[in-house]
C-alpha atoms as a PDB file:
ATOM      1  CA  MET A   1     -13.549   5.271   5.046  1.00  0.00           C
ATOM      2  CA  GLY A   2     -17.060   6.578   4.388  1.00  0.00           C
ATOM      3  CA  ARG A   3     -20.103   5.258   6.164  1.00  0.00           C
ATOM      4  CA  LEU A   4     -23.666   4.660   5.020  1.00  0.00           C
ATOM      5  CA  THR A   5     -25.979   7.328   6.330  1.00  0.00           C
ATOM      6  CA  GLU A   6     -28.582   4.714   7.241  1.00  0.00           C
ATOM      7  CA  PRO A   7     -28.930   0.922   7.068  1.00  0.00           C
ATOM      8  CA  VAL A   8     -29.866  -0.476   3.653  1.00  0.00           C
ATOM      9  CA  GLY A   9     -31.730  -3.771   3.434  1.00  0.00           C
ATOM     10  CA  ARG A  10     -31.803  -6.288   6.250  1.00  0.00           C
ATOM     11  CA  TYR A  11     -29.271  -8.404   8.119  1.00  0.00           C
ATOM     12  CA  ALA A  12     -28.923 -11.793   6.425  1.00  0.00           C
ATOM     13  CA  GLU A  13     -29.533 -15.050   8.249  1.00  0.00           C
ATOM     14  CA  HIS A  14     -26.854 -16.691   6.117  1.00  0.00           C
ATOM     15  CA  PRO A  15     -23.651 -14.842   5.154  1.00  0.00           C
ATOM     16  CA  TYR A  16     -22.192 -14.460   1.706  1.00  0.00           C
ATOM     17  CA  TYR A  17     -18.606 -15.707   1.421  1.00  0.00           C
ATOM     18  CA  ILE A  18     -16.234 -13.599  -0.700  1.00  0.00           C
ATOM     19  CA  ALA A  19     -13.559 -16.035  -1.839  1.00  0.00           C
ATOM     20  CA  GLN A  20     -11.082 -13.404  -3.039  1.00  0.00           C
ATOM     21  CA  THR A  21     -10.828 -11.826   0.424  1.00  0.00           C
ATOM     22  CA  ASP A  22     -11.677 -14.921   2.495  1.00  0.00           C
ATOM     23  CA  THR A  23     -14.436 -12.922   4.185  1.00  0.00           C
ATOM     24  CA  SER A  24     -18.054 -13.654   5.149  1.00  0.00           C
ATOM     25  CA  VAL A  25     -20.460 -10.706   5.171  1.00  0.00           C
ATOM     26  CA  TYR A  26     -23.941 -10.484   6.685  1.00  0.00           C
ATOM     27  CA  CYS A  27     -25.273  -7.232   5.237  1.00  0.00           C
ATOM     28  CA  VAL A  28     -24.695  -4.848   2.365  1.00  0.00           C
ATOM     29  CA  GLU A  29     -22.793  -2.458   4.652  1.00  0.00           C
ATOM     30  CA  GLU A  30     -20.232  -5.163   5.389  1.00  0.00           C
ATOM     31  CA  LEU A  31     -20.123  -6.041   1.692  1.00  0.00           C
ATOM     32  CA  CYS A  32     -19.367  -2.434   0.708  1.00  0.00           C
ATOM     33  CA  PHE A  33     -16.686  -2.112   3.354  1.00  0.00           C
ATOM     34  CA  THR A  34     -14.984  -5.315   2.215  1.00  0.00           C
ATOM     35  CA  LEU A  35     -15.113  -4.329  -1.458  1.00  0.00           C
ATOM     36  CA  CYS A  36     -13.548  -0.924  -0.791  1.00  0.00           C
ATOM     37  CA  GLN A  37     -10.906  -2.205   1.613  1.00  0.00           C
ATOM     38  CA  ASN A  38      -9.794  -5.087  -0.632  1.00  0.00           C
ATOM     39  CA  THR A  39     -10.201  -3.669  -4.109  1.00  0.00           C
ATOM     40  CA  PHE A  40      -6.836  -4.965  -5.316  1.00  0.00           C
ATOM     41  CA  LEU A  41      -7.803  -8.550  -4.446  1.00  0.00           C
ATOM     42  CA  LEU A  42     -10.984  -8.606  -6.501  1.00  0.00           C
ATOM     43  CA  ASP A  43     -11.356 -10.062  -9.988  1.00  0.00           C
ATOM     44  CA  ARG A  44     -14.052 -11.168 -12.428  1.00  0.00           C
ATOM     45  CA  GLY A  45     -15.110 -13.878  -9.993  1.00  0.00           C
ATOM     46  CA  LEU A  46     -16.980 -11.129  -8.187  1.00  0.00           C
ATOM     47  CA  LEU A  47     -19.701 -11.288 -10.866  1.00  0.00           C
ATOM     48  CA  ASP A  48     -21.372 -14.123  -9.024  1.00  0.00           C
ATOM     49  CA  LEU A  49     -25.029 -15.012  -9.456  1.00  0.00           C
ATOM     50  CA  LYS A  50     -25.026 -16.210  -5.830  1.00  0.00           C
ATOM     51  CA  LEU A  51     -24.070 -12.713  -4.673  1.00  0.00           C
ATOM     52  CA  ALA A  52     -26.926 -11.107  -6.598  1.00  0.00           C
ATOM     53  CA  LYS A  53     -29.371 -13.712  -5.211  1.00  0.00           C
ATOM     54  CA  TRP A  54     -28.005 -13.157  -1.700  1.00  0.00           C
ATOM     55  CA  LEU A  55     -28.646  -9.433  -1.945  1.00  0.00           C
ATOM     56  CA  ASP A  56     -32.097 -10.147  -3.380  1.00  0.00           C
ATOM     57  CA  GLU A  57     -33.303 -12.881  -1.045  1.00  0.00           C
ATOM     58  CA  GLU A  58     -31.225 -12.568   2.125  1.00  0.00           C
ATOM     59  CA  CYS A  59     -30.917  -8.776   2.291  1.00  0.00           C
ATOM     60  CA  GLY A  60     -34.249  -7.896   0.678  1.00  0.00           C
ATOM     61  CA  LEU A  61     -32.603  -5.640  -1.915  1.00  0.00           C
ATOM     62  CA  ARG A  62     -34.442  -6.677  -5.065  1.00  0.00           C
ATOM     63  CA  GLU A  63     -34.026  -3.261  -6.688  1.00  0.00           C
ATOM     64  CA  LEU A  64     -30.262  -3.516  -6.263  1.00  0.00           C
ATOM     65  CA  ALA A  65     -30.129  -7.152  -7.398  1.00  0.00           C
ATOM     66  CA  ARG A  66     -32.051  -6.542 -10.632  1.00  0.00           C
ATOM     67  CA  PRO A  67     -29.307  -4.617 -12.527  1.00  0.00           C
ATOM     68  CA  LEU A  68     -26.697  -6.997 -11.104  1.00  0.00           C
ATOM     69  CA  TYR A  69     -28.506  -9.973 -12.653  1.00  0.00           C
ATOM     70  CA  GLY A  70     -28.419  -8.178 -15.989  1.00  0.00           C
ATOM     71  CA  LEU A  71     -24.736  -7.319 -15.713  1.00  0.00           C
ATOM     72  CA  ILE A  72     -23.856 -10.928 -14.890  1.00  0.00           C
ATOM     73  CA  ASN A  73     -25.837 -12.223 -17.867  1.00  0.00           C
ATOM     74  CA  GLN A  74     -24.053  -9.734 -20.127  1.00  0.00           C
ATOM     75  CA  ASN A  75     -20.631 -10.698 -18.703  1.00  0.00           C
ATOM     76  CA  GLY A  76     -20.082  -7.098 -17.662  1.00  0.00           C
ATOM     77  CA  SER A  77     -17.114  -5.603 -15.862  1.00  0.00           C
ATOM     78  CA  PRO A  78     -16.338  -5.991 -12.133  1.00  0.00           C
ATOM     79  CA  SER A  79     -15.897  -2.210 -11.842  1.00  0.00           C
ATOM     80  CA  ALA A  80     -19.438  -1.614 -13.113  1.00  0.00           C
ATOM     81  CA  PHE A  81     -20.744  -4.356 -10.802  1.00  0.00           C
ATOM     82  CA  VAL A  82     -19.187  -2.781  -7.712  1.00  0.00           C
ATOM     83  CA  GLY A  83     -20.140   0.692  -8.911  1.00  0.00           C
ATOM     84  CA  ILE A  84     -23.823  -0.269  -8.967  1.00  0.00           C
ATOM     85  CA  ILE A  85     -23.634  -1.588  -5.395  1.00  0.00           C
ATOM     86  CA  LEU A  86     -21.781   1.440  -4.022  1.00  0.00           C
ATOM     87  CA  GLU A  87     -24.001   3.912  -5.869  1.00  0.00           C
ATOM     88  CA  TYR A  88     -27.213   2.239  -4.720  1.00  0.00           C
ATOM     89  CA  THR A  89     -26.135   2.271  -1.081  1.00  0.00           C
ATOM     90  CA  HIS A  90     -24.517   5.752  -1.287  1.00  0.00           C
ATOM     91  CA  TYR A  91     -21.467   4.234   0.365  1.00  0.00           C
ATOM     92  CA  GLY A  92     -18.604   6.650   1.000  1.00  0.00           C
ATOM     93  CA  THR A  93     -17.911   9.780  -1.002  1.00  0.00           C
ATOM     94  CA  GLU A  94     -18.306  10.120  -4.738  1.00  0.00           C
ATOM     95  CA  LYS A  95     -14.535  10.399  -5.020  1.00  0.00           C
ATOM     96  CA  LYS A  96     -14.036   7.142  -3.103  1.00  0.00           C
ATOM     97  CA  ARG A  97     -16.571   5.306  -5.245  1.00  0.00           C
ATOM     98  CA  GLN A  98     -14.882   6.494  -8.429  1.00  0.00           C
ATOM     99  CA  GLU A  99     -11.471   5.508  -7.086  1.00  0.00           C
ATOM    100  CA  THR A 100     -12.688   2.008  -6.219  1.00  0.00           C
ATOM    101  CA  GLU A 101     -14.194   1.526  -9.675  1.00  0.00           C
ATOM    102  CA  GLU A 102     -11.011   2.763 -11.366  1.00  0.00           C
ATOM    103  CA  LEU A 103      -8.794   0.435  -9.335  1.00  0.00           C
ATOM    104  CA  LEU A 104     -11.030  -2.493 -10.243  1.00  0.00           C
ATOM    105  CA  ARG A 105     -11.039  -1.526 -13.894  1.00  0.00           C
ATOM    106  CA  ILE A 106      -7.236  -1.545 -13.947  1.00  0.00           C
ATOM    107  CA  GLY A 107      -6.648  -4.694 -11.917  1.00  0.00           C
ATOM    108  CA  ALA A 108      -9.566  -7.015 -12.623  1.00  0.00           C
ATOM    109  CA  ASP A 109      -7.833  -8.863 -15.462  1.00  0.00           C
ATOM    110  CA  MET A 110      -4.420  -9.091 -13.809  1.00  0.00           C
ATOM    111  CA  ASP A 111      -3.174 -12.324 -12.329  1.00  0.00           C
ATOM    112  CA  VAL A 112      -3.473 -12.721  -8.570  1.00  0.00           C
ATOM    113  CA  SER A 113       0.190 -12.026  -7.805  1.00  0.00           C
ATOM    114  CA  THR A 114       0.230  -8.811  -9.822  1.00  0.00           C
ATOM    115  CA  ARG A 115      -2.939  -7.605  -8.122  1.00  0.00           C
ATOM    116  CA  ARG A 116      -1.460  -8.318  -4.704  1.00  0.00           C
ATOM    117  CA  LYS A 117       1.694  -6.407  -5.647  1.00  0.00           C
ATOM    118  CA  HIS A 118      -0.369  -3.417  -6.741  1.00  0.00           C
ATOM    119  CA  PHE A 119      -2.303  -3.655  -3.487  1.00  0.00           C
ATOM    120  CA  ALA A 120       0.936  -3.620  -1.468  1.00  0.00           C
ATOM    121  CA  ASP A 121       2.170  -0.629  -3.495  1.00  0.00           C
ATOM    122  CA  TYR A 122      -1.122   1.085  -2.729  1.00  0.00           C
ATOM    123  CA  LEU A 123      -0.610   0.460   1.000  1.00  0.00           C
ATOM    124  CA  VAL A 124       2.844   2.069   0.852  1.00  0.00           C
ATOM    125  CA  GLY A 125       1.378   5.069  -0.926  1.00  0.00           C
ATOM    126  CA  ASN A 126      -1.150   5.439   1.865  1.00  0.00           C
ATOM    127  CA  GLY A 127       1.313   5.130   4.737  1.00  0.00           C
ATOM    128  CA  ARG A 128       0.348   1.604   5.790  1.00  0.00           C
ATOM    129  CA  TYR A 129       3.904   0.319   5.716  1.00  0.00           C
ATOM    130  CA  ALA A 130       3.730  -2.639   8.121  1.00  0.00           C
ATOM    131  CA  GLN A 131       0.764  -4.094   6.260  1.00  0.00           C
ATOM    132  CA  ALA A 132       2.535  -3.517   2.950  1.00  0.00           C
ATOM    133  CA  VAL A 133       5.575  -5.498   4.119  1.00  0.00           C
ATOM    134  CA  MET A 134       3.339  -8.452   4.959  1.00  0.00           C
ATOM    135  CA  GLU A 135       1.640  -8.245   1.556  1.00  0.00           C
ATOM    136  CA  TYR A 136       4.974  -8.192  -0.284  1.00  0.00           C
ATOM    137  CA  GLU A 137       6.074 -11.264   1.663  1.00  0.00           C
ATOM    138  CA  LYS A 138       2.877 -13.106   0.737  1.00  0.00           C
ATOM    139  CA  VAL A 139       3.408 -12.419  -2.959  1.00  0.00           C
ATOM    140  CA  LEU A 140       7.057 -13.463  -2.755  1.00  0.00           C
ATOM    141  CA  GLU A 141       5.918 -16.814  -1.360  1.00  0.00           C
ATOM    142  CA  GLU A 142       3.493 -17.264  -4.257  1.00  0.00           C
ATOM    143  CA  ILE A 143       5.440 -16.355  -7.386  1.00  0.00           C
ATOM    144  CA  PRO A 144       7.919 -18.792  -8.979  1.00  0.00           C
ATOM    145  CA  SER A 145      11.662 -18.271  -8.603  1.00  0.00           C
ATOM    146  CA  MET A 146      12.131 -17.873 -12.357  1.00  0.00           C
ATOM    147  CA  ASN A 147      10.072 -14.675 -12.348  1.00  0.00           C
ATOM    148  CA  TYR A 148      13.156 -12.771 -11.205  1.00  0.00           C
ATOM    149  CA  VAL A 149      12.061  -9.360 -12.549  1.00  0.00           C
ATOM    150  CA  MET A 150       8.885  -9.256 -10.473  1.00  0.00           C
ATOM    151  CA  ARG A 151      10.625 -10.765  -7.459  1.00  0.00           C
ATOM    152  CA  SER A 152      13.243  -8.030  -7.695  1.00  0.00           C
ATOM    153  CA  GLU A 153      10.568  -5.317  -7.806  1.00  0.00           C
ATOM    154  CA  LEU A 154       8.742  -6.850  -4.844  1.00  0.00           C
ATOM    155  CA  LEU A 155      11.907  -7.038  -2.757  1.00  0.00           C
ATOM    156  CA  HIS A 156      12.837  -3.462  -3.641  1.00  0.00           C
ATOM    157  CA  ASN A 157       9.392  -2.126  -2.735  1.00  0.00           C
ATOM    158  CA  LYS A 158       9.452  -4.143   0.476  1.00  0.00           C
ATOM    159  CA  GLY A 159      12.729  -2.411   1.261  1.00  0.00           C
ATOM    160  CA  VAL A 160      11.120   0.975   0.674  1.00  0.00           C
ATOM    161  CA  ALA A 161       8.327   0.119   3.127  1.00  0.00           C
ATOM    162  CA  LEU A 162      10.895  -1.039   5.695  1.00  0.00           C
ATOM    163  CA  CYS A 163      12.787   2.233   5.321  1.00  0.00           C
ATOM    164  CA  ARG A 164       9.576   4.109   6.103  1.00  0.00           C
ATOM    165  CA  LEU A 165       9.445   2.035   9.299  1.00  0.00           C
ATOM    166  CA  PHE A 166      13.083   3.030  10.023  1.00  0.00           C
ATOM    167  CA  SER A 167      14.096  -0.650   9.782  1.00  0.00           C
ATOM    168  CA  PHE A 168      17.176   0.149   7.698  1.00  0.00           C
ATOM    169  CA  ALA A 169      19.073  -3.096   8.351  1.00  0.00           C
ATOM    170  CA  GLU A 170      16.138  -5.195   7.132  1.00  0.00           C
ATOM    171  CA  ALA A 171      15.640  -2.791   4.237  1.00  0.00           C
ATOM    172  CA  ALA A 172      19.288  -3.142   3.195  1.00  0.00           C
ATOM    173  CA  GLU A 173      18.867  -6.920   3.149  1.00  0.00           C
ATOM    174  CA  ALA A 174      15.747  -6.632   0.965  1.00  0.00           C
ATOM    175  CA  PHE A 175      17.468  -4.239  -1.457  1.00  0.00           C
ATOM    176  CA  LEU A 176      20.487  -6.527  -1.750  1.00  0.00           C
ATOM    177  CA  LEU A 177      18.272  -9.515  -2.502  1.00  0.00           C
ATOM    178  CA  ALA A 178      16.450  -7.410  -5.107  1.00  0.00           C
ATOM    179  CA  TYR A 179      19.749  -6.604  -6.811  1.00  0.00           C
ATOM    180  CA  GLN A 180      20.889 -10.228  -6.674  1.00  0.00           C
ATOM    181  CA  GLU A 181      17.617 -11.324  -8.282  1.00  0.00           C
ATOM    182  CA  ASN A 182      18.087  -8.830 -11.097  1.00  0.00           C
ATOM    183  CA  PRO A 183      21.568  -7.243 -11.435  1.00  0.00           C
ATOM    184  CA  ALA A 184      20.185  -4.969 -14.164  1.00  0.00           C
ATOM    185  CA  PHE A 185      18.021  -3.259 -11.526  1.00  0.00           C
ATOM    186  CA  GLU A 186      20.454  -0.457 -10.728  1.00  0.00           C
ATOM    187  CA  GLU A 187      18.059   1.343  -8.380  1.00  0.00           C
ATOM    188  CA  ALA A 188      18.099  -1.679  -6.079  1.00  0.00           C
ATOM    189  CA  ALA A 189      21.890  -1.400  -5.771  1.00  0.00           C
ATOM    190  CA  LEU A 190      21.694   2.308  -4.948  1.00  0.00           C
ATOM    191  CA  SER A 191      18.944   1.680  -2.408  1.00  0.00           C
ATOM    192  CA  TYR A 192      21.032  -1.058  -0.796  1.00  0.00           C
ATOM    193  CA  LEU A 193      24.009   1.246  -0.292  1.00  0.00           C
ATOM    194  CA  ALA A 194      21.823   4.069   0.997  1.00  0.00           C
ATOM    195  CA  ALA A 195      20.129   1.798   3.535  1.00  0.00           C
ATOM    196  CA  LEU A 196      23.479   0.280   4.531  1.00  0.00           C
ATOM    197  CA  ARG A 197      24.868   3.778   5.096  1.00  0.00           C
ATOM    198  CA  MET A 198      22.002   4.435   7.503  1.00  0.00           C
ATOM    199  CA  THR A 199      22.758   1.205   9.383  1.00  0.00           C
ATOM    200  CA  VAL A 200      26.500   1.310  10.038  1.00  0.00           C
ATOM    201  CA  SER A 201      28.916   4.016  11.134  1.00  0.00           C
ATOM    202  CA  GLU A 202      30.587   6.209   8.528  1.00  0.00           C
ATOM    203  CA  GLU A 203      33.926   4.507   9.186  1.00  0.00           C
ATOM    204  CA  GLU A 204      32.377   1.058   8.714  1.00  0.00           C
ATOM    205  CA  TYR A 205      30.679   2.188   5.516  1.00  0.00           C
ATOM    206  CA  ILE A 206      33.897   3.586   4.038  1.00  0.00           C
ATOM    207  CA  THR A 207      35.705   0.366   4.948  1.00  0.00           C
ATOM    208  CA  PHE A 208      32.955  -1.663   3.261  1.00  0.00           C
ATOM    209  CA  ILE A 209      33.243   0.324   0.020  1.00  0.00           C
ATOM    210  CA  ALA A 210      37.028   0.041   0.097  1.00  0.00           C
ATOM    211  CA  GLU A 211      36.779  -3.742   0.502  1.00  0.00           C
ATOM    212  CA  HIS A 212      34.116  -4.058  -2.220  1.00  0.00           C
ATOM    213  CA  PRO A 213      35.326  -2.005  -5.218  1.00  0.00           C
ATOM    214  CA  MET A 214      32.432  -3.303  -7.323  1.00  0.00           C
ATOM    215  CA  TRP A 215      30.199  -0.880  -5.385  1.00  0.00           C
ATOM    216  CA  HIS A 216      32.426   2.166  -5.944  1.00  0.00           C
ATOM    217  CA  GLU A 217      30.504   3.784  -8.817  1.00  0.00           C
ATOM    218  CA  GLN A 218      27.151   3.270  -7.104  1.00  0.00           C
ATOM    219  CA  SER A 219      28.505   4.701  -3.845  1.00  0.00           C
ATOM    220  CA  LEU A 220      29.410   7.941  -5.638  1.00  0.00           C
ATOM    221  CA  GLU A 221      25.845   8.235  -6.949  1.00  0.00           C
ATOM    222  CA  VAL A 222      24.464   7.592  -3.460  1.00  0.00           C
ATOM    223  CA  GLU A 223      26.616  10.412  -2.055  1.00  0.00           C
ATOM    224  CA  LYS A 224      25.318  12.772  -4.759  1.00  0.00           C
ATOM    225  CA  ARG A 225      21.739  11.906  -3.886  1.00  0.00           C
ATOM    226  CA  LEU A 226      22.300  12.262  -0.150  1.00  0.00           C
ATOM    227  CA  GLU A 227      23.899  15.662  -0.672  1.00  0.00           C
ATOM    228  CA  LYS A 228      20.975  16.765  -2.822  1.00  0.00           C
ATOM    229  CA  SER A 229      18.535  15.561  -0.152  1.00  0.00           C
ATOM    230  CA  ARG A 230      20.458  17.529   2.488  1.00  0.00           C
ATOM    231  CA  ILE A 231      20.346  20.691   0.382  1.00  0.00           C
ATOM    232  CA  ASP A 232      16.648  20.231  -0.400  1.00  0.00           C
ATOM    233  CA  TYR A 233      15.864  19.801   3.283  1.00  0.00           C
ATOM    234  CA  GLU A 234      17.881  22.851   4.293  1.00  0.00           C
ATOM    235  CA  ASN A 235      15.889  24.859   1.766  1.00  0.00           C
ATOM    236  CA  SER A 236      12.567  23.482   3.008  1.00  0.00           C
ATOM    237  CA  GLU A 237      10.069  25.554   4.985  1.00  0.00           C
ATOM    238  CA  GLU A 238      10.182  23.026   7.841  1.00  0.00           C
ATOM    239  CA  TYR A 239      13.946  23.422   8.271  1.00  0.00           C
ATOM    240  CA  LYS A 240      13.742  27.214   8.083  1.00  0.00           C
ATOM    241  CA  LYS A 241      11.000  27.228  10.682  1.00  0.00           C
ATOM    242  CA  LEU A 242      12.967  25.058  13.140  1.00  0.00           C
ATOM    243  CA  THR A 243      16.246  26.929  12.692  1.00  0.00           C
ATOM    244  CA  GLY A 244      14.404  30.230  12.947  1.00  0.00           C
ATOM    245  CA  VAL A 245      12.933  29.211  16.266  1.00  0.00           C
ATOM    246  CA  LEU A 246      16.383  28.063  17.429  1.00  0.00           C
ATOM    247  CA  GLU A 247      17.867  31.446  16.654  1.00  0.00           C
ATOM    248  CA  ARG A 248      15.147  33.176  18.643  1.00  0.00           C
ATOM    249  CA  ARG A 249      15.068  30.951  21.660  1.00  0.00           C
ATOM    250  CA  ASP A 250      16.316  27.494  22.623  1.00  0.00           C
ATOM    251  CA  THR A 251      13.210  26.613  24.606  1.00  0.00           C
ATOM    252  CA  GLU A 252      10.950  27.403  21.658  1.00  0.00           C
ATOM    253  CA  TYR A 253      13.119  25.228  19.437  1.00  0.00           C
ATOM    254  CA  TYR A 254      12.842  22.207  21.706  1.00  0.00           C
ATOM    255  CA  LYS A 255       9.133  22.819  22.045  1.00  0.00           C
ATOM    256  CA  ALA A 256       8.787  22.795  18.236  1.00  0.00           C
ATOM    257  CA  VAL A 257      10.889  19.636  17.974  1.00  0.00           C
ATOM    258  CA  SER A 258       8.803  17.995  20.724  1.00  0.00           C
ATOM    259  CA  GLU A 259       5.589  18.856  18.877  1.00  0.00           C
ATOM    260  CA  LYS A 260       7.025  17.416  15.650  1.00  0.00           C
ATOM    261  CA  LEU A 261       8.038  14.183  17.371  1.00  0.00           C
ATOM    262  CA  THR A 262       4.645  13.908  19.056  1.00  0.00           C
ATOM    263  CA  GLN A 263       2.919  14.242  15.688  1.00  0.00           C
ATOM    264  CA  MET A 264       5.216  11.589  14.198  1.00  0.00           C
ATOM    265  CA  GLN A 265       4.336   9.251  17.075  1.00  0.00           C
ATOM    266  CA  ARG A 266       0.633   9.828  16.454  1.00  0.00           C
ATOM    267  CA  ASP A 267       1.060   9.133  12.759  1.00  0.00           C
ATOM    268  CA  TYR A 268       2.982   5.934  13.560  1.00  0.00           C
ATOM    269  CA  ARG A 269       0.303   4.687  15.982  1.00  0.00           C
ATOM    270  CA  LYS A 270      -2.382   5.429  13.426  1.00  0.00           C
ATOM    271  CA  MET A 271      -0.418   3.506  10.782  1.00  0.00           C
ATOM    272  CA  VAL A 272      -0.048   0.503  13.094  1.00  0.00           C
ATOM    273  CA  GLU A 273      -3.757   0.552  13.927  1.00  0.00           C
ATOM    274  CA  GLN A 274      -4.611   0.493  10.216  1.00  0.00           C
ATOM    275  CA  SER A 275      -2.245  -2.378   9.428  1.00  0.00           C
END
């Protein structure tokens, strides 16, 4: 996350409460941080005259407030509103500001549940899997049971996040629920079998398929995909590097594996800290 190069405006005596994120901010720096961190939760309610007045009177940023007043009166877009604030304060990089505006442009007119789903998907895409799981669960609590298509997608994506956390048993449960919500969602069935295969022994998995013939066709597709993944990995540069080291010297191999595991541990700790 980018930082402001220097403070802008003054620290407010009274905070501004952002209802969409349930957050109170005391300065424009905190406002910018909250807007960028919670873009998927924001909607047209952000165009609030109280916010413009707060920046004007509490933070002493009259030059920033002036175009915001105009945008509110013209019923402008939330993306333009946030863009003005970020541009004025030079918050973050140009790329980050553009990304935030684009995400707002896409999601501002969505319903709350859809925005939260997109936010959770965004977290998965950025490696924040534990936080994504919690977001998916929040949306699942909110949406009605008759919206089975969206519930199925949420459960499936939750399963994907759980797989990234190596929680395959929980992921298998989520995938199965996704398939039960929407039997037409074939990918959920395949994901369920793949996660189940990672959870039980090969003998137990074969027994399960034998006892549940309705999964036979999907199990064949899962095996094809697993075989393709194995071949792709064996052709990868990472695999060639590790096996090459092994051929040269066992100690170098274990050193390379140790370094890889250490990096994975660092990545995991960083992910947990962000969630």
